[in-house]
C-alpha atoms as a PDB file:
ATOM      1  CA  MET A   1     115.187  70.075  92.301  1.00  0.00           C
ATOM      2  CA  ALA A   2     115.010  71.671  95.765  1.00  0.00           C
ATOM      3  CA  THR A   3     112.830  74.720  96.311  1.00  0.00           C
ATOM      4  CA  THR A   4     113.253  77.406  98.939  1.00  0.00           C
ATOM      5  CA  LYS A   5     111.249  77.579 102.144  1.00  0.00           C
ATOM      6  CA  ILE A   6     111.025  79.719 105.265  1.00  0.00           C
ATOM      7  CA  GLY A   7     114.266  79.466 107.241  1.00  0.00           C
ATOM      8  CA  ASP A   8     116.538  78.760 104.252  1.00  0.00           C
ATOM      9  CA  LYS A   9     119.627  80.934 103.903  1.00  0.00           C
ATOM     10  CA  VAL A  10     119.900  81.996 100.255  1.00  0.00           C
ATOM     11  CA  LYS A  11     121.983  84.134  97.908  1.00  0.00           C
ATOM     12  CA  ILE A  12     120.089  86.221  95.393  1.00  0.00           C
ATOM     13  CA  ASN A  13     120.517  89.011  92.905  1.00  0.00           C
ATOM     14  CA  TYR A  14     117.708  91.465  92.351  1.00  0.00           C
ATOM     15  CA  ILE A  15     116.715  94.708  90.697  1.00  0.00           C
ATOM     16  CA  GLY A  16     114.062  96.855  92.365  1.00  0.00           C
ATOM     17  CA  THR A  17     112.150  99.301  90.171  1.00  0.00           C
ATOM     18  CA  PHE A  18     109.093 101.494  90.294  1.00  0.00           C
ATOM     19  CA  GLU A  19     106.296 100.752  87.850  1.00  0.00           C
ATOM     20  CA  ASP A  20     107.809 103.221  85.368  1.00  0.00           C
ATOM     21  CA  ASP A  21     110.997 101.046  85.267  1.00  0.00           C
ATOM     22  CA  THR A  22     113.084 103.558  87.264  1.00  0.00           C
ATOM     23  CA  ILE A  23     115.601 101.534  89.292  1.00  0.00           C
ATOM     24  CA  PHE A  24     115.675 102.338  93.010  1.00  0.00           C
ATOM     25  CA  ASN A  25     117.934  99.499  94.170  1.00  0.00           C
ATOM     26  CA  SER A  26     119.954  96.590  92.818  1.00  0.00           C
ATOM     27  CA  SER A  27     122.371  93.981  94.121  1.00  0.00           C
ATOM     28  CA  PHE A  28     124.132  93.644  90.758  1.00  0.00           C
ATOM     29  CA  HIS A  29     126.602  96.479  91.444  1.00  0.00           C
ATOM     30  CA  GLU A  30     127.731  94.806  94.688  1.00  0.00           C
ATOM     31  CA  LYS A  31     127.909  91.242  95.896  1.00  0.00           C
ATOM     32  CA  PRO A  32     124.742  89.103  95.916  1.00  0.00           C
ATOM     33  CA  LEU A  33     122.378  89.552  98.847  1.00  0.00           C
ATOM     34  CA  GLU A  34     122.523  86.724 101.382  1.00  0.00           C
ATOM     35  CA  ILE A  35     119.490  86.434 103.650  1.00  0.00           C
ATOM     36  CA  THR A  36     117.482  83.949 105.654  1.00  0.00           C
ATOM     37  CA  ILE A  37     113.950  83.720 104.281  1.00  0.00           C
ATOM     38  CA  GLY A  38     111.395  84.797 106.868  1.00  0.00           C
ATOM     39  CA  ALA A  39     113.903  86.332 109.281  1.00  0.00           C
ATOM     40  CA  GLY A  40     112.508  89.826 108.703  1.00  0.00           C
ATOM     41  CA  SER A  41     115.633  91.318 107.154  1.00  0.00           C
ATOM     42  CA  VAL A  42     113.711  92.322 104.009  1.00  0.00           C
ATOM     43  CA  ILE A  43     110.179  93.596 103.418  1.00  0.00           C
ATOM     44  CA  PRO A  44     107.455  90.948 103.875  1.00  0.00           C
ATOM     45  CA  GLY A  45     106.478  90.805 100.190  1.00  0.00           C
ATOM     46  CA  PHE A  46     110.080  90.161  99.187  1.00  0.00           C
ATOM     47  CA  ASP A  47     110.375  87.326 101.745  1.00  0.00           C
ATOM     48  CA  GLU A  48     107.141  85.803 100.403  1.00  0.00           C
ATOM     49  CA  ALA A  49     108.412  86.014  96.813  1.00  0.00           C
ATOM     50  CA  LEU A  50     111.487  83.952  97.689  1.00  0.00           C
ATOM     51  CA  VAL A  51     109.492  80.964  98.960  1.00  0.00           C
ATOM     52  CA  GLY A  52     109.240  78.160  96.398  1.00  0.00           C
ATOM     53  CA  MET A  53     112.059  79.318  94.113  1.00  0.00           C
ATOM     54  CA  GLU A  54     114.599  76.941  92.566  1.00  0.00           C
ATOM     55  CA  VAL A  55     118.315  77.627  92.123  1.00  0.00           C
ATOM     56  CA  ASN A  56     118.847  79.705  88.961  1.00  0.00           C
ATOM     57  CA  GLY A  57     115.135  80.449  88.952  1.00  0.00           C
ATOM     58  CA  LYS A  58     113.920  83.927  88.074  1.00  0.00           C
ATOM     59  CA  LYS A  59     110.865  85.711  89.365  1.00  0.00           C
ATOM     60  CA  ASN A  60     109.213  89.049  88.668  1.00  0.00           C
ATOM     61  CA  VAL A  61     106.974  90.250  91.475  1.00  0.00           C
ATOM     62  CA  ILE A  62     104.966  93.395  92.191  1.00  0.00           C
ATOM     63  CA  ILE A  63     104.772  94.208  95.896  1.00  0.00           C
ATOM     64  CA  GLU A  64     101.944  96.390  97.155  1.00  0.00           C
ATOM     65  CA  PRO A  65     102.693  99.066  99.803  1.00  0.00           C
ATOM     66  CA  GLU A  66     101.140  97.048 102.648  1.00  0.00           C
ATOM     67  CA  LYS A  67     103.690  94.245 102.011  1.00  0.00           C
ATOM     68  CA  ALA A  68     106.526  96.757 101.522  1.00  0.00           C
ATOM     69  CA  TYR A  69     106.992 100.012 103.452  1.00  0.00           C
ATOM     70  CA  GLY A  70     103.339 100.707 104.204  1.00  0.00           C
ATOM     71  CA  GLU A  71     101.039 103.431 103.001  1.00  0.00           C
ATOM     72  CA  HIS A  72     102.207 107.051 103.030  1.00  0.00           C
ATOM     73  CA  LYS A  73     100.851 108.580 106.266  1.00  0.00           C
ATOM     74  CA  LYS A  74      99.907 112.251 106.058  1.00  0.00           C
ATOM     75  CA  GLU A  75     100.266 112.596 109.833  1.00  0.00           C
ATOM     76  CA  LEU A  76     104.022 111.994 109.472  1.00  0.00           C
ATOM     77  CA  VAL A  77     104.394 115.106 107.296  1.00  0.00           C
ATOM     78  CA  LEU A  78     104.908 118.140 109.513  1.00  0.00           C
ATOM     79  CA  GLU A  79     105.710 121.799 109.152  1.00  0.00           C
ATOM     80  CA  ILE A  80     108.255 122.968 111.716  1.00  0.00           C
ATOM     81  CA  ASP A  81     109.860 126.299 112.454  1.00  0.00           C
ATOM     82  CA  ARG A  82     113.509 126.777 111.491  1.00  0.00           C
ATOM     83  CA  SER A  83     114.244 127.858 115.083  1.00  0.00           C
ATOM     84  CA  ILE A  84     113.920 124.281 116.423  1.00  0.00           C
ATOM     85  CA  ILE A  85     116.765 123.028 114.234  1.00  0.00           C
ATOM     86  CA  PRO A  86     120.193 123.302 115.901  1.00  0.00           C
ATOM     87  CA  GLU A  87     122.232 126.238 114.590  1.00  0.00           C
ATOM     88  CA  ASP A  88     125.097 123.967 113.459  1.00  0.00           C
ATOM     89  CA  ILE A  89     122.775 122.262 110.925  1.00  0.00           C
ATOM     90  CA  THR A  90     122.070 123.969 107.622  1.00  0.00           C
ATOM     91  CA  PRO A  91     118.680 122.735 106.399  1.00  0.00           C
ATOM     92  CA  GLU A  92     118.767 121.378 102.854  1.00  0.00           C
ATOM     93  CA  LEU A  93     116.311 119.250 100.900  1.00  0.00           C
ATOM     94  CA  ARG A  94     116.586 115.521 101.700  1.00  0.00           C
ATOM     95  CA  THR A  95     118.626 116.164 104.876  1.00  0.00           C
ATOM     96  CA  ILE A  96     117.667 113.625 107.555  1.00  0.00           C
ATOM     97  CA  LEU A  97     117.000 115.062 111.000  1.00  0.00           C
ATOM     98  CA  PRO A  98     116.180 113.365 114.303  1.00  0.00           C
ATOM     99  CA  LEU A  99     112.915 114.866 115.599  1.00  0.00           C
ATOM    100  CA  ARG A 100     111.838 114.179 119.171  1.00  0.00           C
ATOM    101  CA  VAL A 101     108.120 113.367 119.057  1.00  0.00           C
ATOM    102  CA  SER A 102     107.789 112.340 122.712  1.00  0.00           C
ATOM    103  CA  GLU A 103     110.000 111.968 125.752  1.00  0.00           C
ATOM    104  CA  ASP A 104     111.179 108.505 124.698  1.00  0.00           C
ATOM    105  CA  LYS A 105     110.693 108.522 120.919  1.00  0.00           C
ATOM    106  CA  ILE A 106     112.775 110.050 118.145  1.00  0.00           C
ATOM    107  CA  LEU A 107     111.574 109.998 114.529  1.00  0.00           C
ATOM    108  CA  ASN A 108     114.045 110.435 111.683  1.00  0.00           C
ATOM    109  CA  VAL A 109     112.527 112.852 109.206  1.00  0.00           C
ATOM    110  CA  ALA A 110     113.618 114.098 105.788  1.00  0.00           C
ATOM    111  CA  ILE A 111     113.389 117.748 104.820  1.00  0.00           C
ATOM    112  CA  THR A 112     111.055 117.938 101.817  1.00  0.00           C
ATOM    113  CA  ASN A 113     110.423 121.684 101.505  1.00  0.00           C
ATOM    114  CA  ILE A 114     111.924 124.940 102.773  1.00  0.00           C
ATOM    115  CA  GLU A 115     110.026 128.224 102.598  1.00  0.00           C
ATOM    116  CA  GLY A 116     111.549 130.998 104.674  1.00  0.00           C
ATOM    117  CA  ASP A 117     111.457 129.966 108.336  1.00  0.00           C
ATOM    118  CA  LYS A 118     109.007 127.101 107.674  1.00  0.00           C
ATOM    119  CA  ILE A 119     110.427 123.674 106.937  1.00  0.00           C
ATOM    120  CA  THR A 120     108.357 120.669 105.868  1.00  0.00           C
ATOM    121  CA  VAL A 121     109.637 117.311 107.101  1.00  0.00           C
ATOM    122  CA  ASP A 122     108.438 113.792 106.289  1.00  0.00           C
ATOM    123  CA  GLY A 123     108.803 110.836 108.668  1.00  0.00           C
ATOM    124  CA  ASN A 124     107.584 108.267 106.139  1.00  0.00           C
ATOM    125  CA  HIS A 125     110.036 105.820 104.594  1.00  0.00           C
ATOM    126  CA  PRO A 126     110.988 107.186 101.139  1.00  0.00           C
ATOM    127  CA  LEU A 127     109.318 104.148  99.505  1.00  0.00           C
ATOM    128  CA  ALA A 128     106.101 104.311 101.579  1.00  0.00           C
ATOM    129  CA  GLY A 129     102.956 104.239  99.468  1.00  0.00           C
ATOM    130  CA  LYS A 130     104.703 102.874  96.395  1.00  0.00           C
ATOM    131  CA  ARG A 131     104.151  99.640  94.469  1.00  0.00           C
ATOM    132  CA  LEU A 132     107.570  98.038  94.031  1.00  0.00           C
ATOM    133  CA  VAL A 133     108.646  95.724  91.223  1.00  0.00           C
ATOM    134  CA  PHE A 134     111.440  93.202  91.759  1.00  0.00           C
ATOM    135  CA  ASP A 135     113.243  90.929  89.343  1.00  0.00           C
ATOM    136  CA  ILE A 136     114.827  88.221  91.501  1.00  0.00           C
ATOM    137  CA  ILE A 137     117.331  85.490  90.602  1.00  0.00           C
ATOM    138  CA  LEU A 138     118.001  82.742  93.155  1.00  0.00           C
ATOM    139  CA  LEU A 139     121.729  81.997  92.913  1.00  0.00           C
ATOM    140  CA  GLU A 140     122.171  79.495  95.729  1.00  0.00           C
ATOM    141  CA  ILE A 141     120.533  77.838  98.709  1.00  0.00           C
ATOM    142  CA  VAL A 142     123.417  78.294 101.157  1.00  0.00           C
ATOM    143  CA  GLU A 143     121.786  76.439 104.019  1.00  0.00           C
ATOM    144  CA  SER A 144     118.468  74.595 104.062  1.00  0.00           C
ATOM    145  CA  SER A 145     116.354  74.718 107.222  1.00  0.00           C
END
């Protein structure tokens, strides 16, 4: 039976959980995910897990932060003053804001804390620093490279 390799276009179903079994993402409520292995459309550890699978094969894999969304970087957590947020935006927890960090770079940050006029924002990906667990089912090799 054929096994998957880098460059193959595949259809999969998956469930992504944290180590405590809390689900953070799943393809089962939508249509299967169709990707090309190694094209960079998913995190590196997920791409690596797909290599060598057979159709209808199942795999459980734990992906460390460095093969997922990276480590949580403290330098991306900032306290800003309410006055720099445009007046038409009401700050609320988990609101995503564009924050200009240099003349040519904008960082999307999430509001994580509000205390008076001080607002804490976090520019890390929400899954940064976390070990991720995936249950993957290979449904089809759509196109072999």
